[in-house]
Amino acid sequence: MKTFLVLLILIAGVAYLITREKPGTGGKARVGMSRAAPLVNAVEAYRSAHGGYPAALEDLVPDFIGSIPHEIDGHPIIYDRHGSTYGLTFSYMSPLPTHCTFTPTQTWTCAWL
């Protein structure tokens, strides 16, 4: 287990040196955020109309968005409602697995997996 962890850290370090791209920056992050923007807008429009966030993204169709994209570049979009707030997450590889989550209070936060 210890060897695996050291190897994983070394791989992450090499990947960072190769790309020098921080999580949430670069072309893949911009594309993901751009593709997720209509969902964020629809969720916020739903909240304005109903006084709370939808239980599921499917609740947005057809009044707030025509259809729900379920993935960005082959990675699933994950929506989680947490009481009075929510998170909308997409992932990408650059070259490390990176997750970006939108929340109303923090906007976008991204981190390597």
Protein backbone atom coordinates (compact mmCIF):
# COMPACT_ATOMS: atom_id res chain seq x y z
CA MET A 1 0.00 0.00 0.00
CA LYS A 2 2.79 2.41 0.91
CA THR A 3 4.59 1.69 -2.38
CA PHE A 4 1.37 2.32 -4.30
CA LEU A 5 0.86 5.66 -2.58
CA VAL A 6 4.44 6.76 -3.31
CA LEU A 7 4.02 5.70 -6.95
CA LEU A 8 0.75 7.61 -7.22
CA ILE A 9 2.36 10.75 -5.79
CA LEU A 10 5.28 10.45 -8.21
CA ILE A 11 2.92 10.04 -11.16
CA ALA A 12 0.92 13.06 -10.04
CA GLY A 13 4.09 15.12 -9.71
CA VAL A 14 5.33 14.14 -13.15
CA ALA A 15 1.92 14.84 -14.68
CA TYR A 16 1.87 18.28 -13.09
CA LEU A 17 5.35 19.06 -14.36
CA ILE A 18 4.38 17.94 -17.84
CA THR A 19 1.19 19.99 -18.02
CA ARG A 20 1.78 22.73 -15.44
CA GLU A 21 -1.97 23.07 -15.57
CA LYS A 22 -3.78 23.59 -12.31
CA PRO A 23 -7.19 21.96 -11.81
CA GLY A 24 -9.92 24.10 -13.33
CA THR A 25 -7.65 25.86 -15.82
CA GLY A 26 -6.98 25.09 -19.43
CA GLY A 27 -9.11 24.21 -22.39
CA LYS A 28 -10.86 21.12 -21.01
CA ALA A 29 -11.97 22.98 -17.90
CA ARG A 30 -13.26 25.93 -19.94
CA VAL A 31 -15.17 23.62 -22.29
CA GLY A 32 -16.70 21.71 -19.38
CA MET A 33 -17.80 24.86 -17.59
CA SER A 34 -19.23 26.25 -20.81
CA ARG A 35 -21.19 23.05 -21.50
CA ALA A 36 -22.46 22.96 -17.90
CA ALA A 37 -23.55 26.62 -17.94
CA PRO A 38 -27.02 25.96 -19.46
CA LEU A 39 -27.70 23.45 -16.67
CA VAL A 40 -26.61 25.91 -13.99
CA ASN A 41 -28.83 28.59 -15.55
CA ALA A 42 -31.79 26.20 -15.72
CA VAL A 43 -31.34 25.10 -12.09
CA GLU A 44 -31.23 28.73 -10.98
CA ALA A 45 -34.32 29.57 -13.08
CA TYR A 46 -36.13 26.62 -11.48
CA ARG A 47 -35.22 27.93 -8.02
CA SER A 48 -36.54 31.38 -8.89
CA ALA A 49 -39.81 29.90 -10.12
CA HIS A 50 -40.34 27.27 -7.39
CA GLY A 51 -38.51 28.65 -4.36
CA GLY A 52 -36.09 25.72 -4.18
CA TYR A 53 -33.77 23.58 -6.26
CA PRO A 54 -35.04 20.59 -8.27
CA ALA A 55 -34.76 17.09 -6.84
CA ALA A 56 -33.28 15.89 -10.15
CA LEU A 57 -32.11 17.48 -13.40
CA GLU A 58 -35.00 15.80 -15.21
CA ASP A 59 -37.34 18.16 -13.32
CA LEU A 60 -36.00 20.98 -15.50
CA VAL A 61 -37.42 19.56 -18.75
CA PRO A 62 -39.19 21.04 -20.69
CA ASP A 63 -39.89 24.32 -18.89
CA PHE A 64 -36.32 25.36 -18.10
CA ILE A 65 -34.17 23.42 -20.58
CA GLY A 66 -34.99 21.40 -23.70
CA SER A 67 -32.94 18.33 -22.81
CA ILE A 68 -30.46 17.24 -20.18
CA PRO A 69 -26.90 16.48 -21.23
CA HIS A 70 -25.80 13.50 -19.16
CA GLU A 71 -22.08 13.70 -19.88
CA ILE A 72 -19.30 16.03 -20.89
CA ASP A 73 -16.56 14.49 -23.04
CA GLY A 74 -17.57 10.97 -22.00
CA HIS A 75 -17.69 11.69 -18.25
CA PRO A 76 -21.03 11.83 -16.42
CA ILE A 77 -22.50 15.04 -15.08
CA ILE A 78 -23.50 14.61 -11.45
CA TYR A 79 -26.18 16.71 -9.76
CA ASP A 80 -26.63 16.48 -6.00
CA ARG A 81 -29.16 18.53 -4.10
CA HIS A 82 -28.10 19.15 -0.50
CA GLY A 83 -31.06 20.63 1.37
CA SER A 84 -31.22 24.26 0.36
CA THR A 85 -28.25 24.10 -2.04
CA TYR A 86 -26.79 21.82 -4.72
CA GLY A 87 -23.65 20.75 -6.52
CA LEU A 88 -23.18 20.14 -10.24
CA THR A 89 -20.00 18.20 -11.07
CA PHE A 90 -18.21 17.26 -14.27
CA SER A 91 -14.86 15.52 -14.72
CA TYR A 92 -12.05 15.51 -17.25
CA MET A 93 -8.54 14.12 -17.72
CA SER A 94 -5.65 16.56 -18.00
CA PRO A 95 -3.68 14.16 -17.67
CA LEU A 96 -4.86 13.50 -14.10
CA PRO A 97 -8.53 12.93 -13.30
CA THR A 98 -9.99 16.32 -12.38
CA HIS A 99 -13.43 17.11 -10.93
CA CYS A 100 -15.04 20.55 -11.12
CA THR A 101 -18.11 21.30 -9.00
CA PHE A 102 -20.41 24.30 -9.20
CA THR A 103 -22.21 25.40 -6.04
CA PRO A 104 -24.20 28.62 -5.68
CA THR A 105 -21.99 29.87 -2.86
CA GLN A 106 -18.56 28.97 -4.27
CA THR A 107 -19.24 28.95 -8.02
CA TRP A 108 -16.64 26.58 -9.55
CA THR A 109 -14.08 24.65 -7.51
CA CYS A 110 -11.83 22.10 -9.18
CA ALA A 111 -9.40 19.53 -7.83
CA TRP A 112 -7.51 16.46 -8.92
CA LEU A 113 -9.08 13.22 -7.83
